[in-house]
C-alpha atoms as a PDB file:
ATOM      1  CA  UNK A   1     110.906  95.112  70.098  1.00  0.00           C
ATOM      2  CA  UNK A   2     108.879  98.326  70.205  1.00  0.00           C
ATOM      3  CA  UNK A   3     107.759  97.523  73.757  1.00  0.00           C
ATOM      4  CA  UNK A   4     111.306  97.052  75.039  1.00  0.00           C
ATOM      5  CA  UNK A   5     112.567 100.160  73.242  1.00  0.00           C
ATOM      6  CA  UNK A   6     109.795 102.119  74.978  1.00  0.00           C
ATOM      7  CA  UNK A   7     110.744 100.666  78.356  1.00  0.00           C
ATOM      8  CA  UNK A   8     114.382 101.515  77.656  1.00  0.00           C
ATOM      9  CA  UNK A   9     113.541 105.128  76.779  1.00  0.00           C
ATOM     10  CA  UNK A  10     111.293 105.568  79.827  1.00  0.00           C
ATOM     11  CA  UNK A  11     114.003 104.139  82.077  1.00  0.00           C
ATOM     12  CA  UNK A  12     116.605 106.547  80.669  1.00  0.00           C
ATOM     13  CA  UNK A  13     114.249 109.510  81.108  1.00  0.00           C
ATOM     14  CA  UNK A  14     113.483 108.494  84.686  1.00  0.00           C
ATOM     15  CA  UNK A  15     117.174 108.110  85.586  1.00  0.00           C
ATOM     16  CA  UNK A  16     118.139 111.521  84.124  1.00  0.00           C
ATOM     17  CA  UNK A  17     121.854 110.683  84.147  1.00  0.00           C
ATOM     18  CA  UNK A  18     123.380 110.498  80.668  1.00  0.00           C
ATOM     19  CA  UNK A  19     126.757 109.429  82.055  1.00  0.00           C
ATOM     20  CA  UNK A  20     125.354 106.235  83.563  1.00  0.00           C
ATOM     21  CA  UNK A  21     122.534 105.358  81.175  1.00  0.00           C
ATOM     22  CA  UNK A  22     121.106 106.741  77.924  1.00  0.00           C
ATOM     23  CA  UNK A  23     118.002 105.943  75.925  1.00  0.00           C
ATOM     24  CA  UNK A  24     117.653 104.754  72.332  1.00  0.00           C
ATOM     25  CA  UNK A  25     116.947 108.277  71.043  1.00  0.00           C
ATOM     26  CA  UNK A  26     120.226 109.616  72.469  1.00  0.00           C
ATOM     27  CA  UNK A  27     122.071 106.592  71.108  1.00  0.00           C
ATOM     28  CA  UNK A  28     120.636 107.056  67.606  1.00  0.00           C
ATOM     29  CA  UNK A  29     121.460 110.761  67.660  1.00  0.00           C
ATOM     30  CA  UNK A  30     125.062 110.005  68.570  1.00  0.00           C
ATOM     31  CA  UNK A  31     125.243 107.301  65.899  1.00  0.00           C
ATOM     32  CA  UNK A  32     123.840 109.616  63.229  1.00  0.00           C
ATOM     33  CA  UNK A  33     126.386 112.306  64.073  1.00  0.00           C
ATOM     34  CA  UNK A  34     129.298 109.869  63.951  1.00  0.00           C
ATOM     35  CA  UNK A  35     128.161 108.309  60.663  1.00  0.00           C
ATOM     36  CA  UNK A  36     128.753 111.672  59.013  1.00  0.00           C
ATOM     37  CA  UNK A  37     132.465 111.438  59.844  1.00  0.00           C
ATOM     38  CA  UNK A  38     134.962 109.620  57.628  1.00  0.00           C
ATOM     39  CA  UNK A  39     136.718 108.232  60.694  1.00  0.00           C
ATOM     40  CA  UNK A  40     133.561 106.292  61.599  1.00  0.00           C
ATOM     41  CA  UNK A  41     133.575 104.324  58.353  1.00  0.00           C
ATOM     42  CA  UNK A  42     137.349 103.878  58.519  1.00  0.00           C
ATOM     43  CA  UNK A  43     137.051 102.275  61.950  1.00  0.00           C
ATOM     44  CA  UNK A  44     134.102 100.095  60.928  1.00  0.00           C
ATOM     45  CA  UNK A  45     135.796  98.901  57.739  1.00  0.00           C
ATOM     46  CA  UNK A  46     139.106  98.195  59.447  1.00  0.00           C
ATOM     47  CA  UNK A  47     137.571  96.112  62.241  1.00  0.00           C
ATOM     48  CA  UNK A  48     135.172  94.365  59.869  1.00  0.00           C
ATOM     49  CA  UNK A  49     137.962  93.245  57.540  1.00  0.00           C
ATOM     50  CA  UNK A  50     140.155  91.957  60.378  1.00  0.00           C
ATOM     51  CA  UNK A  51     137.418  90.117  62.260  1.00  0.00           C
ATOM     52  CA  UNK A  52     135.941  88.643  59.073  1.00  0.00           C
ATOM     53  CA  UNK A  53     139.431  87.700  57.894  1.00  0.00           C
ATOM     54  CA  UNK A  54     140.252  85.978  61.179  1.00  0.00           C
ATOM     55  CA  UNK A  55     136.995  84.030  61.123  1.00  0.00           C
ATOM     56  CA  UNK A  56     137.316  82.962  57.482  1.00  0.00           C
ATOM     57  CA  UNK A  57     140.865  81.763  58.092  1.00  0.00           C
ATOM     58  CA  UNK A  58     139.724  79.843  61.172  1.00  0.00           C
ATOM     59  CA  UNK A  59     136.811  78.321  59.246  1.00  0.00           C
ATOM     60  CA  UNK A  60     138.937  77.238  56.281  1.00  0.00           C
ATOM     61  CA  UNK A  61     141.764  75.802  58.384  1.00  0.00           C
ATOM     62  CA  UNK A  62     139.391  74.043  60.802  1.00  0.00           C
ATOM     63  CA  UNK A  63     137.342  72.389  58.047  1.00  0.00           C
ATOM     64  CA  UNK A  64     140.473  71.244  56.214  1.00  0.00           C
ATOM     65  CA  UNK A  65     142.177  70.007  59.391  1.00  0.00           C
ATOM     66  CA  UNK A  66     139.053  68.168  60.571  1.00  0.00           C
ATOM     67  CA  UNK A  67     138.770  66.468  57.190  1.00  0.00           C
ATOM     68  CA  UNK A  68     142.386  65.310  57.315  1.00  0.00           C
ATOM     69  CA  UNK A  69     142.043  64.205  60.957  1.00  0.00           C
ATOM     70  CA  UNK A  70     138.970  62.174  60.019  1.00  0.00           C
ATOM     71  CA  UNK A  71     141.073  60.215  57.532  1.00  0.00           C
ATOM     72  CA  UNK A  72     144.254  60.125  59.684  1.00  0.00           C
ATOM     73  CA  UNK A  73     143.322  58.985  63.187  1.00  0.00           C
ATOM     74  CA  UNK A  74     146.822  59.639  64.524  1.00  0.00           C
ATOM     75  CA  UNK A  75     146.469  63.340  63.661  1.00  0.00           C
ATOM     76  CA  UNK A  76     143.158  63.527  65.534  1.00  0.00           C
ATOM     77  CA  UNK A  77     144.822  62.090  68.649  1.00  0.00           C
ATOM     78  CA  UNK A  78     147.790  64.426  68.254  1.00  0.00           C
ATOM     79  CA  UNK A  79     145.586  67.531  67.985  1.00  0.00           C
ATOM     80  CA  UNK A  80     143.284  66.642  70.885  1.00  0.00           C
ATOM     81  CA  UNK A  81     145.393  68.306  73.651  1.00  0.00           C
ATOM     82  CA  UNK A  82     145.860  71.447  71.529  1.00  0.00           C
ATOM     83  CA  UNK A  83     142.117  71.758  70.875  1.00  0.00           C
ATOM     84  CA  UNK A  84     141.295  71.246  74.554  1.00  0.00           C
ATOM     85  CA  UNK A  85     143.855  73.883  75.507  1.00  0.00           C
ATOM     86  CA  UNK A  86     142.457  76.375  72.993  1.00  0.00           C
ATOM     87  CA  UNK A  87     138.922  75.759  74.290  1.00  0.00           C
ATOM     88  CA  UNK A  88     139.932  76.197  77.940  1.00  0.00           C
ATOM     89  CA  UNK A  89     142.299  79.184  77.932  1.00  0.00           C
ATOM     90  CA  UNK A  90     140.454  82.478  78.671  1.00  0.00           C
ATOM     91  CA  UNK A  91     140.208  85.061  75.904  1.00  0.00           C
ATOM     92  CA  UNK A  92     142.047  87.630  78.041  1.00  0.00           C
ATOM     93  CA  UNK A  93     145.077  85.340  78.336  1.00  0.00           C
ATOM     94  CA  UNK A  94     145.239  84.897  74.567  1.00  0.00           C
ATOM     95  CA  UNK A  95     144.891  88.639  74.057  1.00  0.00           C
ATOM     96  CA  UNK A  96     147.702  89.571  76.453  1.00  0.00           C
ATOM     97  CA  UNK A  97     150.030  86.866  75.110  1.00  0.00           C
ATOM     98  CA  UNK A  98     149.426  87.813  71.477  1.00  0.00           C
ATOM     99  CA  UNK A  99     149.738  91.494  72.300  1.00  0.00           C
ATOM    100  CA  UNK A 100     153.254  90.794  73.594  1.00  0.00           C
ATOM    101  CA  UNK A 101     154.165  88.544  70.652  1.00  0.00           C
ATOM    102  CA  UNK A 102     152.521  90.254  67.669  1.00  0.00           C
ATOM    103  CA  UNK A 103     151.601  93.782  68.736  1.00  0.00           C
ATOM    104  CA  UNK A 104     148.202  95.434  68.534  1.00  0.00           C
ATOM    105  CA  UNK A 105     147.788  96.090  64.802  1.00  0.00           C
ATOM    106  CA  UNK A 106     146.599  92.600  63.788  1.00  0.00           C
ATOM    107  CA  UNK A 107     145.742  91.383  67.276  1.00  0.00           C
ATOM    108  CA  UNK A 108     142.041  90.859  66.544  1.00  0.00           C
ATOM    109  CA  UNK A 109     142.836  88.620  63.541  1.00  0.00           C
ATOM    110  CA  UNK A 110     144.874  86.186  65.641  1.00  0.00           C
ATOM    111  CA  UNK A 111     142.433  86.216  68.568  1.00  0.00           C
ATOM    112  CA  UNK A 112     139.420  85.547  66.337  1.00  0.00           C
ATOM    113  CA  UNK A 113     141.317  82.728  64.641  1.00  0.00           C
ATOM    114  CA  UNK A 114     142.201  81.093  67.964  1.00  0.00           C
ATOM    115  CA  UNK A 115     138.639  81.434  69.260  1.00  0.00           C
ATOM    116  CA  UNK A 116     136.930  80.172  66.114  1.00  0.00           C
ATOM    117  CA  UNK A 117     139.237  77.322  65.080  1.00  0.00           C
ATOM    118  CA  UNK A 118     138.512  74.832  67.916  1.00  0.00           C
ATOM    119  CA  UNK A 119     134.740  75.399  67.758  1.00  0.00           C
ATOM    120  CA  UNK A 120     134.498  74.726  64.034  1.00  0.00           C
ATOM    121  CA  UNK A 121     137.055  71.905  64.153  1.00  0.00           C
ATOM    122  CA  UNK A 122     135.124  70.026  66.858  1.00  0.00           C
ATOM    123  CA  UNK A 123     131.745  70.466  65.147  1.00  0.00           C
ATOM    124  CA  UNK A 124     133.116  69.486  61.748  1.00  0.00           C
ATOM    125  CA  UNK A 125     134.723  66.391  63.276  1.00  0.00           C
ATOM    126  CA  UNK A 126     131.486  65.386  64.997  1.00  0.00           C
ATOM    127  CA  UNK A 127     129.590  65.779  61.739  1.00  0.00           C
ATOM    128  CA  UNK A 128     132.030  63.541  59.877  1.00  0.00           C
ATOM    129  CA  UNK A 129     131.860  60.959  62.670  1.00  0.00           C
ATOM    130  CA  UNK A 130     128.064  60.837  62.223  1.00  0.00           C
ATOM    131  CA  UNK A 131     128.350  59.760  58.596  1.00  0.00           C
ATOM    132  CA  UNK A 132     126.164  56.705  58.024  1.00  0.00           C
ATOM    133  CA  UNK A 133     128.507  53.680  57.674  1.00  0.00           C
ATOM    134  CA  UNK A 134     125.850  51.741  55.749  1.00  0.00           C
ATOM    135  CA  UNK A 135     125.713  54.509  53.147  1.00  0.00           C
ATOM    136  CA  UNK A 136     129.498  54.442  52.853  1.00  0.00           C
ATOM    137  CA  UNK A 137     129.461  50.679  52.419  1.00  0.00           C
ATOM    138  CA  UNK A 138     126.813  50.977  49.725  1.00  0.00           C
ATOM    139  CA  UNK A 139     128.873  53.648  47.916  1.00  0.00           C
ATOM    140  CA  UNK A 140     131.871  51.308  47.846  1.00  0.00           C
ATOM    141  CA  UNK A 141     129.764  48.452  46.536  1.00  0.00           C
ATOM    142  CA  UNK A 142     128.453  50.592  43.671  1.00  0.00           C
ATOM    143  CA  UNK A 143     131.889  52.095  42.977  1.00  0.00           C
ATOM    144  CA  UNK A 144     130.936  55.674  43.801  1.00  0.00           C
ATOM    145  CA  UNK A 145     133.930  58.012  43.438  1.00  0.00           C
ATOM    146  CA  UNK A 146     135.189  60.267  46.236  1.00  0.00           C
ATOM    147  CA  UNK A 147     133.569  63.399  44.818  1.00  0.00           C
ATOM    148  CA  UNK A 148     130.100  61.868  44.775  1.00  0.00           C
ATOM    149  CA  UNK A 149     130.579  60.349  48.230  1.00  0.00           C
ATOM    150  CA  UNK A 150     131.444  63.832  49.521  1.00  0.00           C
ATOM    151  CA  UNK A 151     128.418  65.493  47.894  1.00  0.00           C
ATOM    152  CA  UNK A 152     125.761  62.896  48.684  1.00  0.00           C
ATOM    153  CA  UNK A 153     126.963  61.187  51.879  1.00  0.00           C
ATOM    154  CA  UNK A 154     129.497  63.272  53.793  1.00  0.00           C
ATOM    155  CA  UNK A 155     128.006  66.697  53.057  1.00  0.00           C
ATOM    156  CA  UNK A 156     124.495  65.999  54.458  1.00  0.00           C
ATOM    157  CA  UNK A 157     126.122  64.433  57.541  1.00  0.00           C
ATOM    158  CA  UNK A 158     128.501  67.219  58.533  1.00  0.00           C
ATOM    159  CA  UNK A 159     126.643  70.316  57.310  1.00  0.00           C
ATOM    160  CA  UNK A 160     124.156  70.654  60.223  1.00  0.00           C
ATOM    161  CA  UNK A 161     127.049  70.368  62.689  1.00  0.00           C
ATOM    162  CA  UNK A 162     129.127  72.842  60.683  1.00  0.00           C
ATOM    163  CA  UNK A 163     126.326  75.413  60.577  1.00  0.00           C
ATOM    164  CA  UNK A 164     125.682  75.032  64.310  1.00  0.00           C
ATOM    165  CA  UNK A 165     129.378  75.485  65.073  1.00  0.00           C
ATOM    166  CA  UNK A 166     129.627  78.460  62.735  1.00  0.00           C
ATOM    167  CA  UNK A 167     126.792  80.239  64.562  1.00  0.00           C
ATOM    168  CA  UNK A 168     128.646  79.899  67.868  1.00  0.00           C
ATOM    169  CA  UNK A 169     132.006  80.790  66.338  1.00  0.00           C
ATOM    170  CA  UNK A 170     130.621  83.881  64.599  1.00  0.00           C
ATOM    171  CA  UNK A 171     129.249  85.251  67.863  1.00  0.00           C
ATOM    172  CA  UNK A 172     132.498  84.503  69.658  1.00  0.00           C
ATOM    173  CA  UNK A 173     134.492  86.099  66.841  1.00  0.00           C
ATOM    174  CA  UNK A 174     132.902  89.516  67.284  1.00  0.00           C
ATOM    175  CA  UNK A 175     133.025  89.373  71.070  1.00  0.00           C
ATOM    176  CA  UNK A 176     136.648  88.270  71.237  1.00  0.00           C
ATOM    177  CA  UNK A 177     137.752  90.454  68.308  1.00  0.00           C
ATOM    178  CA  UNK A 178     136.345  93.672  69.755  1.00  0.00           C
ATOM    179  CA  UNK A 179     137.600  92.738  73.245  1.00  0.00           C
ATOM    180  CA  UNK A 180     141.088  92.313  71.764  1.00  0.00           C
ATOM    181  CA  UNK A 181     140.842  95.749  70.128  1.00  0.00           C
ATOM    182  CA  UNK A 182     139.772  97.353  73.408  1.00  0.00           C
ATOM    183  CA  UNK A 183     142.815  95.907  75.164  1.00  0.00           C
ATOM    184  CA  UNK A 184     145.300  96.491  72.342  1.00  0.00           C
ATOM    185  CA  UNK A 185     143.712  99.786  71.154  1.00  0.00           C
ATOM    186  CA  UNK A 186     144.867  99.580  67.501  1.00  0.00           C
ATOM    187  CA  UNK A 187     144.383 102.756  65.474  1.00  0.00           C
ATOM    188  CA  UNK A 188     141.196 103.177  63.445  1.00  0.00           C
ATOM    189  CA  UNK A 189     139.206 100.346  65.020  1.00  0.00           C
ATOM    190  CA  UNK A 190     135.896  99.872  66.792  1.00  0.00           C
ATOM    191  CA  UNK A 191     137.763  98.841  69.930  1.00  0.00           C
ATOM    192  CA  UNK A 192     139.640 102.138  69.933  1.00  0.00           C
ATOM    193  CA  UNK A 193     136.364 104.077  69.676  1.00  0.00           C
ATOM    194  CA  UNK A 194     134.884 102.082  72.553  1.00  0.00           C
ATOM    195  CA  UNK A 195     137.997 102.700  74.629  1.00  0.00           C
ATOM    196  CA  UNK A 196     137.821 106.440  73.967  1.00  0.00           C
ATOM    197  CA  UNK A 197     134.128 106.441  74.910  1.00  0.00           C
ATOM    198  CA  UNK A 198     135.099 104.907  78.234  1.00  0.00           C
ATOM    199  CA  UNK A 199     137.889 107.441  78.822  1.00  0.00           C
ATOM    200  CA  UNK A 200     135.609 110.430  78.173  1.00  0.00           C
ATOM    201  CA  UNK A 201     132.543 108.869  79.846  1.00  0.00           C
ATOM    202  CA  UNK A 202     130.701 109.212  76.527  1.00  0.00           C
ATOM    203  CA  UNK A 203     127.911 106.724  77.204  1.00  0.00           C
ATOM    204  CA  UNK A 204     125.988 107.765  74.087  1.00  0.00           C
ATOM    205  CA  UNK A 205     128.935 106.752  71.887  1.00  0.00           C
ATOM    206  CA  UNK A 206     129.395 103.559  73.889  1.00  0.00           C
ATOM    207  CA  UNK A 207     125.808 102.512  73.190  1.00  0.00           C
ATOM    208  CA  UNK A 208     126.053 103.653  69.557  1.00  0.00           C
ATOM    209  CA  UNK A 209     129.163 101.567  68.874  1.00  0.00           C
ATOM    210  CA  UNK A 210     127.624  98.601  70.653  1.00  0.00           C
ATOM    211  CA  UNK A 211     124.683  98.839  68.250  1.00  0.00           C
ATOM    212  CA  UNK A 212     127.122  98.947  65.321  1.00  0.00           C
ATOM    213  CA  UNK A 213     128.793  95.741  66.555  1.00  0.00           C
ATOM    214  CA  UNK A 214     125.435  93.980  66.912  1.00  0.00           C
ATOM    215  CA  UNK A 215     124.316  95.009  63.412  1.00  0.00           C
ATOM    216  CA  UNK A 216     127.613  93.997  61.789  1.00  0.00           C
ATOM    217  CA  UNK A 217     127.592  90.670  63.622  1.00  0.00           C
ATOM    218  CA  UNK A 218     124.025  89.867  62.553  1.00  0.00           C
ATOM    219  CA  UNK A 219     124.629  90.868  58.928  1.00  0.00           C
ATOM    220  CA  UNK A 220     127.826  88.852  58.622  1.00  0.00           C
ATOM    221  CA  UNK A 221     126.159  85.853  60.269  1.00  0.00           C
ATOM    222  CA  UNK A 222     123.153  86.019  57.922  1.00  0.00           C
ATOM    223  CA  UNK A 223     125.323  86.270  54.800  1.00  0.00           C
ATOM    224  CA  UNK A 224     127.745  83.539  55.833  1.00  0.00           C
ATOM    225  CA  UNK A 225     125.071  81.082  56.952  1.00  0.00           C
ATOM    226  CA  UNK A 226     123.079  81.721  53.782  1.00  0.00           C
ATOM    227  CA  UNK A 227     126.165  80.775  51.754  1.00  0.00           C
ATOM    228  CA  UNK A 228     126.573  77.601  53.809  1.00  0.00           C
ATOM    229  CA  UNK A 229     122.936  76.695  53.224  1.00  0.00           C
ATOM    230  CA  UNK A 230     123.392  77.195  49.483  1.00  0.00           C
ATOM    231  CA  UNK A 231     126.403  74.903  49.671  1.00  0.00           C
ATOM    232  CA  UNK A 232     124.139  72.330  51.333  1.00  0.00           C
ATOM    233  CA  UNK A 233     121.752  72.369  48.385  1.00  0.00           C
ATOM    234  CA  UNK A 234     118.627  70.236  48.359  1.00  0.00           C
ATOM    235  CA  UNK A 235     119.922  67.831  51.011  1.00  0.00           C
ATOM    236  CA  UNK A 236     120.175  70.580  53.608  1.00  0.00           C
ATOM    237  CA  UNK A 237     116.854  72.192  52.604  1.00  0.00           C
ATOM    238  CA  UNK A 238     115.129  68.863  52.915  1.00  0.00           C
ATOM    239  CA  UNK A 239     116.552  68.338  56.389  1.00  0.00           C
ATOM    240  CA  UNK A 240     115.427  71.813  57.524  1.00  0.00           C
ATOM    241  CA  UNK A 241     111.893  71.092  56.359  1.00  0.00           C
ATOM    242  CA  UNK A 242     111.617  67.873  58.395  1.00  0.00           C
END
């Protein structure tokens, strides 16, 4: 990391054009100055709540829907074209359509939901499909109730798939959410600050806000995945150690 930061700084010093390219020192200076403003934290908090909210709604709805579709095969068939459509339509098309329908204020929430739902739904469904049928047969023979079957048979089967899908969905959530804010330009958002940096050719702010997005994305991913791992308990820890 130190090596690449040094290369970055040397490259910026050699170019000597702060409009086109800036180094890490200039970026950190700009970030430090903006962190002293209340508007900075307002924008960060507003975008964080909306993007996190959109992802959590997508996660909850996708897990629940995948569970129901696993039990009701007709629902799985019915949802297949919708999931394929959601996976195929470009983010920009969703953004423009939702901007017309719902306005810019909560645009990132809807876009993040639409980007995250199919990813988590598909991974959750694949995990449930990989449940060991012999284990299920044994649970029926011994009269194991649904709660215990979920904890000791279904959970170890779907959790690795769910965590893998969540990693992809979390990354897509921040990319699509901020992209939606840049297009819709809602007030007090990270997307608005990036848009203004583009208008005023403020490359230092552009790099600074990009760093903020990366840090927020990594922190949210670490916290969320840690919670999922705790939900997995000993079964998941044992699988990771293999």
